[in-house]
PDB file of all heavy atoms in Angstrom:
ATOM      1  N   LEU A   1     -75.855  91.362  20.027  1.00  0.00           N
ATOM      2  CA  LEU A   1     -77.293  91.347  20.209  1.00  0.00           C
ATOM      3  C   LEU A   1     -77.573  90.785  21.592  1.00  0.00           C
ATOM      4  O   LEU A   1     -77.378  89.595  21.832  1.00  0.00           O
ATOM      5  CB  LEU A   1     -77.995  90.509  19.143  1.00  0.00           C
ATOM      6  CG  LEU A   1     -79.521  90.470  19.253  1.00  0.00           C
ATOM      7  CD1 LEU A   1     -80.111  91.847  18.939  1.00  0.00           C
ATOM      8  CD2 LEU A   1     -80.119  89.413  18.327  1.00  0.00           C
ATOM      9  N   GLN A   2     -78.014  91.653  22.495  1.00  0.00           N
ATOM     10  CA  GLN A   2     -78.409  91.241  23.831  1.00  0.00           C
ATOM     11  C   GLN A   2     -79.895  90.918  23.813  1.00  0.00           C
ATOM     12  O   GLN A   2     -80.712  91.754  23.428  1.00  0.00           O
ATOM     13  CB  GLN A   2     -78.125  92.351  24.845  1.00  0.00           C
ATOM     14  CG  GLN A   2     -78.571  92.046  26.265  1.00  0.00           C
ATOM     15  CD  GLN A   2     -77.721  90.997  26.933  1.00  0.00           C
ATOM     16  OE1 GLN A   2     -76.507  90.982  26.768  1.00  0.00           O
ATOM     17  NE2 GLN A   2     -78.354  90.109  27.687  1.00  0.00           N
ATOM     18  N   MET A   3     -80.250  89.713  24.221  1.00  0.00           N
ATOM     19  CA  MET A   3     -81.633  89.277  24.255  1.00  0.00           C
ATOM     20  C   MET A   3     -82.012  88.933  25.682  1.00  0.00           C
ATOM     21  O   MET A   3     -81.379  88.084  26.316  1.00  0.00           O
ATOM     22  CB  MET A   3     -81.850  88.063  23.355  1.00  0.00           C
ATOM     23  CG  MET A   3     -81.662  88.344  21.869  1.00  0.00           C
ATOM     24  SD  MET A   3     -83.107  89.170  21.146  1.00  0.00           S
ATOM     25  CE  MET A   3     -84.317  87.862  21.192  1.00  0.00           C
ATOM     26  N   ASN A   4     -83.038  89.589  26.196  1.00  0.00           N
ATOM     27  CA  ASN A   4     -83.545  89.352  27.538  1.00  0.00           C
ATOM     28  C   ASN A   4     -84.973  88.834  27.478  1.00  0.00           C
ATOM     29  O   ASN A   4     -85.647  88.944  26.455  1.00  0.00           O
ATOM     30  CB  ASN A   4     -83.496  90.639  28.370  1.00  0.00           C
ATOM     31  CG  ASN A   4     -82.107  91.216  28.489  1.00  0.00           C
ATOM     32  OD1 ASN A   4     -81.127  90.484  28.617  1.00  0.00           O
ATOM     33  ND2 ASN A   4     -82.013  92.542  28.466  1.00  0.00           N
ATOM     34  N   SER A   5     -85.436  88.301  28.597  1.00  0.00           N
ATOM     35  CA  SER A   5     -86.809  87.787  28.688  1.00  0.00           C
ATOM     36  C   SER A   5     -87.143  86.901  27.507  1.00  0.00           C
ATOM     37  O   SER A   5     -88.180  87.058  26.851  1.00  0.00           O
ATOM     38  CB  SER A   5     -87.800  88.956  28.789  1.00  0.00           C
ATOM     39  OG  SER A   5     -87.525  89.768  29.915  1.00  0.00           O
ATOM     40  N   LEU A   6     -86.276  85.963  27.239  1.00  0.00           N
ATOM     41  CA  LEU A   6     -86.428  85.119  26.062  1.00  0.00           C
ATOM     42  C   LEU A   6     -87.679  84.257  26.138  1.00  0.00           C
ATOM     43  O   LEU A   6     -88.077  83.802  27.213  1.00  0.00           O
ATOM     44  CB  LEU A   6     -85.195  84.240  25.889  1.00  0.00           C
ATOM     45  CG  LEU A   6     -83.965  84.973  25.349  1.00  0.00           C
ATOM     46  CD1 LEU A   6     -82.703  84.175  25.623  1.00  0.00           C
ATOM     47  CD2 LEU A   6     -84.124  85.241  23.859  1.00  0.00           C
ATOM     48  N   LYS A   7     -88.281  84.049  24.979  1.00  0.00           N
ATOM     49  CA  LYS A   7     -89.491  83.262  24.838  1.00  0.00           C
ATOM     50  C   LYS A   7     -89.227  82.086  23.912  1.00  0.00           C
ATOM     51  O   LYS A   7     -88.329  82.147  23.075  1.00  0.00           O
ATOM     52  CB  LYS A   7     -90.619  84.118  24.252  1.00  0.00           C
ATOM     53  CG  LYS A   7     -90.910  85.395  25.014  1.00  0.00           C
ATOM     54  CD  LYS A   7     -91.947  86.236  24.282  1.00  0.00           C
ATOM     55  CE  LYS A   7     -92.243  87.520  25.020  1.00  0.00           C
ATOM     56  NZ  LYS A   7     -93.242  88.351  24.298  1.00  0.00           N
ATOM     57  N   PRO A   8     -90.008  81.002  24.030  1.00  0.00           N
ATOM     58  CA  PRO A   8     -89.821  79.869  23.116  1.00  0.00           C
ATOM     59  C   PRO A   8     -89.889  80.274  21.645  1.00  0.00           C
ATOM     60  O   PRO A   8     -89.185  79.686  20.815  1.00  0.00           O
ATOM     61  CB  PRO A   8     -90.966  78.925  23.491  1.00  0.00           C
ATOM     62  CG  PRO A   8     -91.199  79.202  24.936  1.00  0.00           C
ATOM     63  CD  PRO A   8     -90.995  80.692  25.081  1.00  0.00           C
ATOM     64  N   GLU A   9     -90.699  81.269  21.304  1.00  0.00           N
ATOM     65  CA  GLU A   9     -90.805  81.709  19.931  1.00  0.00           C
ATOM     66  C   GLU A   9     -89.562  82.443  19.428  1.00  0.00           C
ATOM     67  O   GLU A   9     -89.464  82.758  18.242  1.00  0.00           O
ATOM     68  CB  GLU A   9     -92.049  82.596  19.719  1.00  0.00           C
ATOM     69  CG  GLU A   9     -92.197  83.701  20.741  1.00  0.00           C
ATOM     70  CD  GLU A   9     -93.144  83.328  21.869  1.00  0.00           C
ATOM     71  OE1 GLU A   9     -93.018  82.211  22.410  1.00  0.00           O
ATOM     72  OE2 GLU A   9     -94.016  84.154  22.208  1.00  0.00           O
ATOM     73  N   ASP A  10     -88.610  82.722  20.313  1.00  0.00           N
ATOM     74  CA  ASP A  10     -87.328  83.282  19.901  1.00  0.00           C
ATOM     75  C   ASP A  10     -86.386  82.211  19.363  1.00  0.00           C
ATOM     76  O   ASP A  10     -85.313  82.546  18.848  1.00  0.00           O
ATOM     77  CB  ASP A  10     -86.651  84.007  21.059  1.00  0.00           C
ATOM     78  CG  ASP A  10     -87.399  85.257  21.493  1.00  0.00           C
ATOM     79  OD1 ASP A  10     -87.891  86.001  20.620  1.00  0.00           O
ATOM     80  OD2 ASP A  10     -87.482  85.492  22.717  1.00  0.00           O
ATOM     81  N   THR A  11     -86.757  80.955  19.499  1.00  0.00           N
ATOM     82  CA  THR A  11     -85.925  79.861  19.019  1.00  0.00           C
ATOM     83  C   THR A  11     -85.729  79.969  17.516  1.00  0.00           C
ATOM     84  O   THR A  11     -86.692  80.010  16.749  1.00  0.00           O
ATOM     85  CB  THR A  11     -86.553  78.512  19.370  1.00  0.00           C
ATOM     86  OG1 THR A  11     -86.597  78.355  20.789  1.00  0.00           O
ATOM     87  CG2 THR A  11     -85.751  77.363  18.773  1.00  0.00           C
ATOM     88  N   ALA A  12     -84.477  80.021  17.081  1.00  0.00           N
ATOM     89  CA  ALA A  12     -84.151  80.183  15.667  1.00  0.00           C
ATOM     90  C   ALA A  12     -82.646  80.151  15.498  1.00  0.00           C
ATOM     91  O   ALA A  12     -81.888  80.199  16.471  1.00  0.00           O
ATOM     92  CB  ALA A  12     -84.709  81.508  15.129  1.00  0.00           C
ATOM     93  N   VAL A  13     -82.218  80.078  14.242  1.00  0.00           N
ATOM     94  CA  VAL A  13     -80.827  80.328  13.910  1.00  0.00           C
ATOM     95  C   VAL A  13     -80.687  81.824  13.685  1.00  0.00           C
ATOM     96  O   VAL A  13     -81.431  82.413  12.893  1.00  0.00           O
ATOM     97  CB  VAL A  13     -80.383  79.554  12.659  1.00  0.00           C
ATOM     98  CG1 VAL A  13     -78.944  79.914  12.288  1.00  0.00           C
ATOM     99  CG2 VAL A  13     -80.508  78.055  12.888  1.00  0.00           C
ATOM    100  N   TYR A  14     -79.754  82.446  14.376  1.00  0.00           N
ATOM    101  CA  TYR A  14     -79.544  83.887  14.288  1.00  0.00           C
ATOM    102  C   TYR A  14     -78.339  84.182  13.408  1.00  0.00           C
ATOM    103  O   TYR A  14     -77.264  83.608  13.595  1.00  0.00           O
ATOM    104  CB  TYR A  14     -79.340  84.480  15.680  1.00  0.00           C
ATOM    105  CG  TYR A  14     -80.624  84.612  16.454  1.00  0.00           C
ATOM    106  CD1 TYR A  14     -81.295  83.482  16.919  1.00  0.00           C
ATOM    107  CD2 TYR A  14     -81.188  85.865  16.711  1.00  0.00           C
ATOM    108  CE1 TYR A  14     -82.485  83.595  17.610  1.00  0.00           C
ATOM    109  CE2 TYR A  14     -82.377  85.978  17.408  1.00  0.00           C
ATOM    110  CZ  TYR A  14     -83.022  84.846  17.856  1.00  0.00           C
ATOM    111  OH  TYR A  14     -84.205  84.963  18.544  1.00  0.00           O
ATOM    112  N   TYR A  15     -78.526  85.092  12.447  1.00  0.00           N
ATOM    113  CA  TYR A  15     -77.495  85.449  11.489  1.00  0.00           C
ATOM    114  C   TYR A  15     -77.102  86.911  11.631  1.00  0.00           C
ATOM    115  O   TYR A  15     -77.961  87.778  11.777  1.00  0.00           O
ATOM    116  CB  TYR A  15     -77.982  85.228  10.056  1.00  0.00           C
ATOM    117  CG  TYR A  15     -78.310  83.797   9.711  1.00  0.00           C
ATOM    118  CD1 TYR A  15     -79.592  83.299   9.898  1.00  0.00           C
ATOM    119  CD2 TYR A  15     -77.342  82.952   9.194  1.00  0.00           C
ATOM    120  CE1 TYR A  15     -79.900  81.988   9.576  1.00  0.00           C
ATOM    121  CE2 TYR A  15     -77.641  81.642   8.870  1.00  0.00           C
ATOM    122  CZ  TYR A  15     -78.917  81.164   9.061  1.00  0.00           C
ATOM    123  OH  TYR A  15     -79.227  79.867   8.738  1.00  0.00           O
ATOM    124  N   CYS A  16     -75.823  87.168  11.557  1.00  0.00           N
ATOM    125  CA  CYS A  16     -75.288  88.514  11.479  1.00  0.00           C
ATOM    126  C   CYS A  16     -75.047  88.858  10.015  1.00  0.00           C
ATOM    127  O   CYS A  16     -74.645  87.994   9.229  1.00  0.00           O
ATOM    128  CB  CYS A  16     -73.983  88.596  12.272  1.00  0.00           C
ATOM    129  SG  CYS A  16     -73.132  90.176  12.203  1.00  0.00           S
ATOM    130  N   ALA A  17     -75.293  90.112   9.632  1.00  0.00           N
ATOM    131  CA  ALA A  17     -75.101  90.529   8.254  1.00  0.00           C
ATOM    132  C   ALA A  17     -74.574  91.959   8.193  1.00  0.00           C
ATOM    133  O   ALA A  17     -74.828  92.761   9.087  1.00  0.00           O
ATOM    134  CB  ALA A  17     -76.421  90.428   7.472  1.00  0.00           C
ATOM    135  N   ALA A  18     -73.838  92.261   7.117  1.00  0.00           N
ATOM    136  CA  ALA A  18     -73.241  93.577   6.922  1.00  0.00           C
ATOM    137  C   ALA A  18     -73.658  94.153   5.580  1.00  0.00           C
ATOM    138  O   ALA A  18     -73.694  93.442   4.570  1.00  0.00           O
ATOM    139  CB  ALA A  18     -71.723  93.492   7.000  1.00  0.00           C
ATOM    140  N   SER A  19     -73.956  95.458   5.579  1.00  0.00           N
ATOM    141  CA  SER A  19     -74.332  96.181   4.374  1.00  0.00           C
ATOM    142  C   SER A  19     -73.380  97.338   4.134  1.00  0.00           C
ATOM    143  O   SER A  19     -72.965  98.007   5.082  1.00  0.00           O
ATOM    144  CB  SER A  19     -75.766  96.713   4.487  1.00  0.00           C
ATOM    145  OG  SER A  19     -76.102  97.528   3.384  1.00  0.00           O
ATOM    146  N   THR A  20     -73.047  97.591   2.881  1.00  0.00           N
ATOM    147  CA  THR A  20     -72.218  98.733   2.530  1.00  0.00           C
ATOM    148  C   THR A  20     -73.035 100.019   2.464  1.00  0.00           C
ATOM    149  O   THR A  20     -72.465 101.099   2.365  1.00  0.00           O
ATOM    150  CB  THR A  20     -71.513  98.523   1.189  1.00  0.00           C
ATOM    151  OG1 THR A  20     -72.483  98.311   0.156  1.00  0.00           O
ATOM    152  CG2 THR A  20     -70.581  97.320   1.250  1.00  0.00           C
ATOM    153  N   GLN A  21     -74.356  99.928   2.523  1.00  0.00           N
ATOM    154  CA  GLN A  21     -75.208 101.101   2.525  1.00  0.00           C
ATOM    155  C   GLN A  21     -75.245 101.736   3.908  1.00  0.00           C
ATOM    156  O   GLN A  21     -75.184 101.037   4.918  1.00  0.00           O
ATOM    157  CB  GLN A  21     -76.625 100.746   2.080  1.00  0.00           C
ATOM    158  CG  GLN A  21     -76.702 100.191   0.678  1.00  0.00           C
ATOM    159  CD  GLN A  21     -78.127  99.946   0.218  1.00  0.00           C
ATOM    160  OE1 GLN A  21     -79.063 100.587   0.694  1.00  0.00           O
ATOM    161  NE2 GLN A  21     -78.292  99.019  -0.703  1.00  0.00           N
ATOM    162  N   PHE A  22     -75.339 103.060   3.948  1.00  0.00           N
ATOM    163  CA  PHE A  22     -75.372 103.749   5.237  1.00  0.00           C
ATOM    164  C   PHE A  22     -76.593 103.362   6.051  1.00  0.00           C
ATOM    165  O   PHE A  22     -76.548 103.351   7.285  1.00  0.00           O
ATOM    166  CB  PHE A  22     -75.324 105.261   5.034  1.00  0.00           C
ATOM    167  CG  PHE A  22     -73.936 105.801   4.911  1.00  0.00           C
ATOM    168  CD1 PHE A  22     -73.353 106.002   3.671  1.00  0.00           C
ATOM    169  CD2 PHE A  22     -73.193 106.098   6.043  1.00  0.00           C
ATOM    170  CE1 PHE A  22     -72.061 106.482   3.553  1.00  0.00           C
ATOM    171  CE2 PHE A  22     -71.895 106.582   5.942  1.00  0.00           C
ATOM    172  CZ  PHE A  22     -71.336 106.775   4.692  1.00  0.00           C
ATOM    173  N   TRP A  23     -77.694 103.053   5.388  1.00  0.00           N
ATOM    174  CA  TRP A  23     -78.879 102.579   6.075  1.00  0.00           C
ATOM    175  C   TRP A  23     -79.583 101.542   5.209  1.00  0.00           C
ATOM    176  O   TRP A  23     -80.514 101.843   4.464  1.00  0.00           O
ATOM    177  CB  TRP A  23     -79.828 103.717   6.459  1.00  0.00           C
ATOM    178  CG  TRP A  23     -80.943 103.266   7.366  1.00  0.00           C
ATOM    179  CD1 TRP A  23     -82.273 103.308   7.117  1.00  0.00           C
ATOM    180  CD2 TRP A  23     -80.801 102.688   8.670  1.00  0.00           C
ATOM    181  NE1 TRP A  23     -82.980 102.795   8.185  1.00  0.00           N
ATOM    182  CE2 TRP A  23     -82.102 102.410   9.150  1.00  0.00           C
ATOM    183  CE3 TRP A  23     -79.701 102.375   9.486  1.00  0.00           C
ATOM    184  CZ2 TRP A  23     -82.331 101.829  10.402  1.00  0.00           C
ATOM    185  CZ3 TRP A  23     -79.928 101.787  10.723  1.00  0.00           C
ATOM    186  CH2 TRP A  23     -81.226 101.530  11.172  1.00  0.00           C
ATOM    187  N   GLY A  24     -79.095 100.324   5.292  1.00  0.00           N
ATOM    188  CA  GLY A  24     -79.720  99.225   4.603  1.00  0.00           C
ATOM    189  C   GLY A  24     -80.828  98.649   5.460  1.00  0.00           C
ATOM    190  O   GLY A  24     -80.694  98.537   6.682  1.00  0.00           O
ATOM    191  N   THR A  25     -81.939  98.284   4.841  1.00  0.00           N
ATOM    192  CA  THR A  25     -83.080  97.757   5.581  1.00  0.00           C
ATOM    193  C   THR A  25     -83.617  96.457   5.012  1.00  0.00           C
ATOM    194  O   THR A  25     -84.346  95.746   5.698  1.00  0.00           O
ATOM    195  CB  THR A  25     -84.227  98.773   5.624  1.00  0.00           C
ATOM    196  OG1 THR A  25     -84.623  99.117   4.289  1.00  0.00           O
ATOM    197  CG2 THR A  25     -83.787 100.044   6.356  1.00  0.00           C
ATOM    198  N   ARG A  26     -83.291  96.145   3.771  1.00  0.00           N
ATOM    199  CA  ARG A  26     -83.761  94.935   3.130  1.00  0.00           C
ATOM    200  C   ARG A  26     -82.666  93.872   3.154  1.00  0.00           C
ATOM    201  O   ARG A  26     -81.482  94.187   3.159  1.00  0.00           O
ATOM    202  CB  ARG A  26     -84.169  95.213   1.682  1.00  0.00           C
ATOM    203  CG  ARG A  26     -85.208  96.303   1.512  1.00  0.00           C
ATOM    204  CD  ARG A  26     -85.353  96.676   0.043  1.00  0.00           C
ATOM    205  NE  ARG A  26     -84.094  97.165  -0.506  1.00  0.00           N
ATOM    206  CZ  ARG A  26     -83.891  97.434  -1.790  1.00  0.00           C
ATOM    207  NH1 ARG A  26     -84.862  97.244  -2.669  1.00  0.00           N
ATOM    208  NH2 ARG A  26     -82.707  97.888  -2.195  1.00  0.00           N
ATOM    209  N   GLN A  27     -83.070  92.603   3.158  1.00  0.00           N
ATOM    210  CA  GLN A  27     -82.087  91.534   3.152  1.00  0.00           C
ATOM    211  C   GLN A  27     -81.178  91.622   1.937  1.00  0.00           C
ATOM    212  O   GLN A  27     -79.990  91.304   2.022  1.00  0.00           O
ATOM    213  CB  GLN A  27     -82.777  90.166   3.199  1.00  0.00           C
ATOM    214  CG  GLN A  27     -83.488  89.893   4.512  1.00  0.00           C
ATOM    215  CD  GLN A  27     -83.889  88.446   4.673  1.00  0.00           C
ATOM    216  OE1 GLN A  27     -83.167  87.538   4.240  1.00  0.00           O
ATOM    217  NE2 GLN A  27     -85.018  88.216   5.320  1.00  0.00           N
ATOM    218  N   ALA A  28     -81.714  92.102   0.810  1.00  0.00           N
ATOM    219  CA  ALA A  28     -80.924  92.245  -0.400  1.00  0.00           C
ATOM    220  C   ALA A  28     -79.846  93.311  -0.266  1.00  0.00           C
ATOM    221  O   ALA A  28     -78.896  93.333  -1.054  1.00  0.00           O
ATOM    222  CB  ALA A  28     -81.834  92.566  -1.588  1.00  0.00           C
TER     223      ALA A  28
END
């Protein structure tokens, strides 16, 4: 994940996740 022009509101813990679905869109 390349992040440019970062803003204070981008401050967070960033998580990577993997889905077995070809196109998963929900956290579940």
